[in-house]
C-alpha atoms as a PDB file:
ATOM      1  CA  MET A   1      36.796  -4.853 -13.103  1.00  0.00           C
ATOM      2  CA  LYS A   2      36.885  -4.934  -9.326  1.00  0.00           C
ATOM      3  CA  GLU A   3      34.398  -3.577  -6.847  1.00  0.00           C
ATOM      4  CA  ARG A   4      35.608  -3.060  -3.295  1.00  0.00           C
ATOM      5  CA  LEU A   5      34.265  -1.495  -0.122  1.00  0.00           C
ATOM      6  CA  LEU A   6      36.614   1.322   0.804  1.00  0.00           C
ATOM      7  CA  SER A   7      35.215   2.574   4.035  1.00  0.00           C
ATOM      8  CA  PHE A   8      32.234   3.356   6.215  1.00  0.00           C
ATOM      9  CA  VAL A   9      31.921   7.100   6.683  1.00  0.00           C
ATOM     10  CA  ASP A  10      29.664   9.456   8.604  1.00  0.00           C
ATOM     11  CA  CYS A  11      27.552  11.186   5.994  1.00  0.00           C
ATOM     12  CA  SER A  12      25.737  13.887   7.940  1.00  0.00           C
ATOM     13  CA  LEU A  13      25.201  16.159   4.918  1.00  0.00           C
ATOM     14  CA  LYS A  14      22.974  14.578   2.278  1.00  0.00           C
ATOM     15  CA  THR A  15      23.389  16.940  -0.682  1.00  0.00           C
ATOM     16  CA  GLY A  16      24.877  15.673  -3.911  1.00  0.00           C
ATOM     17  CA  GLU A  17      27.751  18.125  -3.571  1.00  0.00           C
ATOM     18  CA  ALA A  18      28.594  17.058  -0.007  1.00  0.00           C
ATOM     19  CA  ILE A  19      28.470  13.346  -0.851  1.00  0.00           C
ATOM     20  CA  ALA A  20      30.530  13.795  -4.033  1.00  0.00           C
ATOM     21  CA  SER A  21      33.113  15.674  -1.986  1.00  0.00           C
ATOM     22  CA  LEU A  22      33.124  12.907   0.614  1.00  0.00           C
ATOM     23  CA  ILE A  23      33.698  10.280  -2.101  1.00  0.00           C
ATOM     24  CA  SER A  24      36.440  12.328  -3.714  1.00  0.00           C
ATOM     25  CA  ASP A  25      38.166  12.898  -0.367  1.00  0.00           C
ATOM     26  CA  LYS A  26      38.009   9.185   0.492  1.00  0.00           C
ATOM     27  CA  LEU A  27      39.473   8.225  -2.906  1.00  0.00           C
ATOM     28  CA  THR A  28      42.287  10.758  -2.425  1.00  0.00           C
ATOM     29  CA  GLU A  29      42.942   9.417   1.093  1.00  0.00           C
ATOM     30  CA  LYS A  30      43.260   5.876  -0.347  1.00  0.00           C
ATOM     31  CA  ASN A  31      45.476   7.078  -3.234  1.00  0.00           C
ATOM     32  CA  ILE A  32      42.894   6.068  -5.826  1.00  0.00           C
ATOM     33  CA  PRO A  33      42.719   8.522  -8.736  1.00  0.00           C
ATOM     34  CA  LEU A  34      39.169   9.593  -9.606  1.00  0.00           C
ATOM     35  CA  GLN A  35      40.306   9.501 -13.238  1.00  0.00           C
ATOM     36  CA  ASP A  36      40.561   5.679 -12.956  1.00  0.00           C
ATOM     37  CA  CYS A  37      36.853   5.436 -12.167  1.00  0.00           C
ATOM     38  CA  ARG A  38      34.854   3.921 -15.036  1.00  0.00           C
ATOM     39  CA  GLY A  39      31.417   3.730 -13.514  1.00  0.00           C
ATOM     40  CA  GLN A  40      29.096   4.877 -10.747  1.00  0.00           C
ATOM     41  CA  GLY A  41      26.119   3.112  -9.246  1.00  0.00           C
ATOM     42  CA  TYR A  42      23.800   4.609  -6.643  1.00  0.00           C
ATOM     43  CA  ASP A  43      20.269   4.309  -5.358  1.00  0.00           C
ATOM     44  CA  ASN A  44      17.439   6.260  -6.932  1.00  0.00           C
ATOM     45  CA  GLY A  45      17.591   9.288  -4.622  1.00  0.00           C
ATOM     46  CA  SER A  46      17.702  12.618  -6.432  1.00  0.00           C
ATOM     47  CA  ASN A  47      20.775  13.627  -4.419  1.00  0.00           C
ATOM     48  CA  MET A  48      22.573  10.625  -5.927  1.00  0.00           C
ATOM     49  CA  LYS A  49      21.223  10.277  -9.466  1.00  0.00           C
ATOM     50  CA  GLY A  50      20.261  13.905 -10.064  1.00  0.00           C
ATOM     51  CA  LYS A  51      21.096  15.103 -13.565  1.00  0.00           C
ATOM     52  CA  TYR A  52      22.472  18.476 -12.452  1.00  0.00           C
ATOM     53  CA  LYS A  53      23.202  18.457  -8.700  1.00  0.00           C
ATOM     54  CA  GLY A  54      23.406  14.727  -7.982  1.00  0.00           C
ATOM     55  CA  VAL A  55      26.596  12.930  -7.009  1.00  0.00           C
ATOM     56  CA  GLN A  56      26.783  11.221 -10.396  1.00  0.00           C
ATOM     57  CA  ALA A  57      26.603  14.534 -12.284  1.00  0.00           C
ATOM     58  CA  ILE A  58      29.286  16.137 -10.116  1.00  0.00           C
ATOM     59  CA  ILE A  59      31.663  13.192 -10.488  1.00  0.00           C
ATOM     60  CA  LEU A  60      30.879  12.894 -14.201  1.00  0.00           C
ATOM     61  CA  ALA A  61      31.895  16.550 -14.608  1.00  0.00           C
ATOM     62  CA  SER A  62      35.331  15.630 -13.216  1.00  0.00           C
ATOM     63  CA  ASN A  63      35.641  12.382 -15.143  1.00  0.00           C
ATOM     64  CA  SER A  64      33.591  11.814 -18.297  1.00  0.00           C
ATOM     65  CA  LEU A  65      34.419   8.081 -18.190  1.00  0.00           C
ATOM     66  CA  ALA A  66      32.669   7.596 -14.819  1.00  0.00           C
ATOM     67  CA  VAL A  67      29.348   6.671 -16.423  1.00  0.00           C
ATOM     68  CA  TYR A  68      26.344   6.409 -14.095  1.00  0.00           C
ATOM     69  CA  SER A  69      24.114   3.352 -13.908  1.00  0.00           C
ATOM     70  CA  ALA A  70      21.223   3.103 -11.457  1.00  0.00           C
ATOM     71  CA  CYS A  71      21.629   0.324  -8.892  1.00  0.00           C
ATOM     72  CA  ALA A  72      19.659  -2.657 -10.203  1.00  0.00           C
ATOM     73  CA  GLY A  73      18.762  -3.805  -6.686  1.00  0.00           C
ATOM     74  CA  HIS A  74      17.198  -0.471  -5.798  1.00  0.00           C
ATOM     75  CA  SER A  75      15.409  -0.294  -9.138  1.00  0.00           C
ATOM     76  CA  LEU A  76      14.007  -3.806  -8.708  1.00  0.00           C
ATOM     77  CA  ASN A  77      12.848  -2.931  -5.186  1.00  0.00           C
ATOM     78  CA  LEU A  78      11.009   0.131  -6.551  1.00  0.00           C
ATOM     79  CA  CYS A  79       9.329  -2.032  -9.228  1.00  0.00           C
ATOM     80  CA  GLY A  80       8.103  -4.447  -6.560  1.00  0.00           C
ATOM     81  CA  GLU A  81       6.887  -1.583  -4.391  1.00  0.00           C
ATOM     82  CA  LYS A  82       4.942   0.044  -7.229  1.00  0.00           C
ATOM     83  CA  ALA A  83       3.442  -3.316  -8.272  1.00  0.00           C
ATOM     84  CA  ALA A  84       2.265  -4.042  -4.722  1.00  0.00           C
ATOM     85  CA  GLU A  85       0.862  -0.525  -4.298  1.00  0.00           C
ATOM     86  CA  CYS A  86      -1.714  -1.137  -7.028  1.00  0.00           C
ATOM     87  CA  CYS A  87      -2.939  -4.430  -5.554  1.00  0.00           C
ATOM     88  CA  ASN A  88      -5.630  -3.894  -2.910  1.00  0.00           C
ATOM     89  CA  GLU A  89      -5.091  -7.384  -1.503  1.00  0.00           C
ATOM     90  CA  ALA A  90      -1.375  -6.698  -0.949  1.00  0.00           C
ATOM     91  CA  ILE A  91      -2.123  -3.343   0.679  1.00  0.00           C
ATOM     92  CA  THR A  92      -4.661  -4.975   3.022  1.00  0.00           C
ATOM     93  CA  PHE A  93      -2.375  -7.925   3.798  1.00  0.00           C
ATOM     94  CA  PHE A  94       0.726  -5.888   4.624  1.00  0.00           C
ATOM     95  CA  GLY A  95      -1.390  -3.323   6.462  1.00  0.00           C
ATOM     96  CA  SER A  96      -2.778  -6.101   8.665  1.00  0.00           C
ATOM     97  CA  ILE A  97       0.717  -7.408   9.401  1.00  0.00           C
ATOM     98  CA  GLN A  98       1.788  -3.902  10.471  1.00  0.00           C
ATOM     99  CA  LYS A  99      -1.328  -3.463  12.655  1.00  0.00           C
ATOM    100  CA  ILE A 100      -0.604  -6.722  14.492  1.00  0.00           C
ATOM    101  CA  TYR A 101       2.941  -5.507  15.161  1.00  0.00           C
ATOM    102  CA  ASN A 102       1.610  -2.111  16.324  1.00  0.00           C
ATOM    103  CA  ILE A 103      -0.845  -3.727  18.736  1.00  0.00           C
ATOM    104  CA  PHE A 104       1.820  -5.741  20.539  1.00  0.00           C
ATOM    105  CA  SER A 105       4.699  -3.261  20.342  1.00  0.00           C
ATOM    106  CA  SER A 106       2.739  -0.292  21.683  1.00  0.00           C
ATOM    107  CA  ARG A 107       2.862  -1.486  25.321  1.00  0.00           C
ATOM    108  CA  PRO A 108       5.448  -3.652  27.144  1.00  0.00           C
ATOM    109  CA  GLN A 109       2.677  -5.667  28.819  1.00  0.00           C
ATOM    110  CA  ARG A 110       1.233  -6.550  25.401  1.00  0.00           C
ATOM    111  CA  TRP A 111       4.682  -7.579  24.140  1.00  0.00           C
ATOM    112  CA  GLU A 112       5.067  -9.905  27.142  1.00  0.00           C
ATOM    113  CA  ILE A 113       1.703 -11.509  26.369  1.00  0.00           C
ATOM    114  CA  MET A 114       2.790 -12.050  22.745  1.00  0.00           C
ATOM    115  CA  LYS A 115       6.128 -13.570  23.879  1.00  0.00           C
ATOM    116  CA  LYS A 116       4.261 -15.976  26.161  1.00  0.00           C
ATOM    117  CA  HIS A 117       2.399 -17.404  23.159  1.00  0.00           C
ATOM    118  CA  ILE A 118       4.922 -17.319  20.322  1.00  0.00           C
ATOM    119  CA  PRO A 119       8.689 -18.032  20.430  1.00  0.00           C
ATOM    120  CA  HIS A 120       9.698 -15.312  17.961  1.00  0.00           C
ATOM    121  CA  SER A 121       9.551 -11.531  17.905  1.00  0.00           C
ATOM    122  CA  LEU A 122       7.352  -9.631  15.515  1.00  0.00           C
ATOM    123  CA  HIS A 123       8.910  -7.085  13.163  1.00  0.00           C
ATOM    124  CA  SER A 124       7.706  -3.789  11.775  1.00  0.00           C
ATOM    125  CA  MET A 125       7.171  -3.618   8.022  1.00  0.00           C
ATOM    126  CA  SER A 126      10.102  -2.144   6.125  1.00  0.00           C
ATOM    127  CA  GLN A 127       9.065   0.919   4.161  1.00  0.00           C
ATOM    128  CA  THR A 128      12.189   0.946   2.011  1.00  0.00           C
ATOM    129  CA  ARG A 129      13.041  -2.699   1.346  1.00  0.00           C
ATOM    130  CA  TRP A 130      10.095  -4.716   0.136  1.00  0.00           C
ATOM    131  CA  SER A 131      12.233  -7.830  -0.015  1.00  0.00           C
ATOM    132  CA  ALA A 132      12.690  -7.541   3.783  1.00  0.00           C
ATOM    133  CA  ARG A 133       8.934  -7.689   4.386  1.00  0.00           C
ATOM    134  CA  VAL A 134       9.052 -11.476   4.423  1.00  0.00           C
ATOM    135  CA  GLU A 135      10.773 -11.214   7.824  1.00  0.00           C
ATOM    136  CA  SER A 136       7.659  -9.452   9.141  1.00  0.00           C
ATOM    137  CA  VAL A 137       5.363 -12.108   7.736  1.00  0.00           C
ATOM    138  CA  LYS A 138       7.261 -15.253   8.867  1.00  0.00           C
ATOM    139  CA  PRO A 139       6.574 -15.087  12.641  1.00  0.00           C
ATOM    140  CA  ILE A 140       2.889 -14.466  12.018  1.00  0.00           C
ATOM    141  CA  ALA A 141       2.524 -17.171   9.370  1.00  0.00           C
ATOM    142  CA  ASN A 142       4.495 -19.711  11.425  1.00  0.00           C
ATOM    143  CA  HIS A 143       2.679 -19.023  14.711  1.00  0.00           C
ATOM    144  CA  LEU A 144      -0.921 -18.175  13.819  1.00  0.00           C
ATOM    145  CA  ASN A 145      -2.388 -20.269  16.639  1.00  0.00           C
ATOM    146  CA  GLY A 146      -0.163 -18.690  19.294  1.00  0.00           C
ATOM    147  CA  LEU A 147      -0.824 -15.237  17.914  1.00  0.00           C
ATOM    148  CA  SER A 148      -4.554 -15.896  18.018  1.00  0.00           C
ATOM    149  CA  LEU A 149      -4.225 -16.944  21.681  1.00  0.00           C
ATOM    150  CA  ALA A 150      -2.263 -13.779  22.453  1.00  0.00           C
ATOM    151  CA  LEU A 151      -4.926 -11.600  20.809  1.00  0.00           C
ATOM    152  CA  ASP A 152      -7.652 -13.464  22.718  1.00  0.00           C
ATOM    153  CA  GLU A 153      -5.769 -12.814  25.948  1.00  0.00           C
ATOM    154  CA  LEU A 154      -5.597  -9.110  25.155  1.00  0.00           C
ATOM    155  CA  LEU A 155      -9.340  -9.089  24.542  1.00  0.00           C
ATOM    156  CA  ASN A 156     -10.048 -11.018  27.765  1.00  0.00           C
ATOM    157  CA  LEU A 157      -7.947  -8.518  29.731  1.00  0.00           C
ATOM    158  CA  LYS A 158     -10.059  -5.806  28.077  1.00  0.00           C
ATOM    159  CA  PHE A 159      -7.105  -3.929  26.599  1.00  0.00           C
ATOM    160  CA  LYS A 160      -8.244  -1.094  24.416  1.00  0.00           C
ATOM    161  CA  ILE A 161      -6.877  -1.764  20.959  1.00  0.00           C
ATOM    162  CA  LYS A 162      -6.996   0.865  18.237  1.00  0.00           C
ATOM    163  CA  ILE A 163      -7.103  -0.710  14.802  1.00  0.00           C
END
């Protein structure tokens, strides 16, 4: 079994039918018969995995051997998201990280103050990839003292901060 990237394509229409057509057209363009397909793996969006109108159902109707399997990476990410959503400490922690980012990113002058005190940029929290949230936490965890100085400077300059 081989898995290969065929192409990057502009996917402006997001319906299962439009995406299935796009996949079919790309396979035809590359001279790859859809009948040779033995599996499909997509994220958990209803337009992809939908039982009746999803890409997998449309392709499965053309080739009964193209069995669908949910992408394990996306499924694992959803498990982590749901687990964190029921932990008040995690909600508070990640909410605080996002608020710190919002404070500094909302005004260029605030961003400059932050850059004066820490050597790395802050990052917004990813809403779709929980595994990427560590990149939002690292600059704060690694530069707490500098971040504290930057926040103190904002307070001393009497910036109005909405929390």
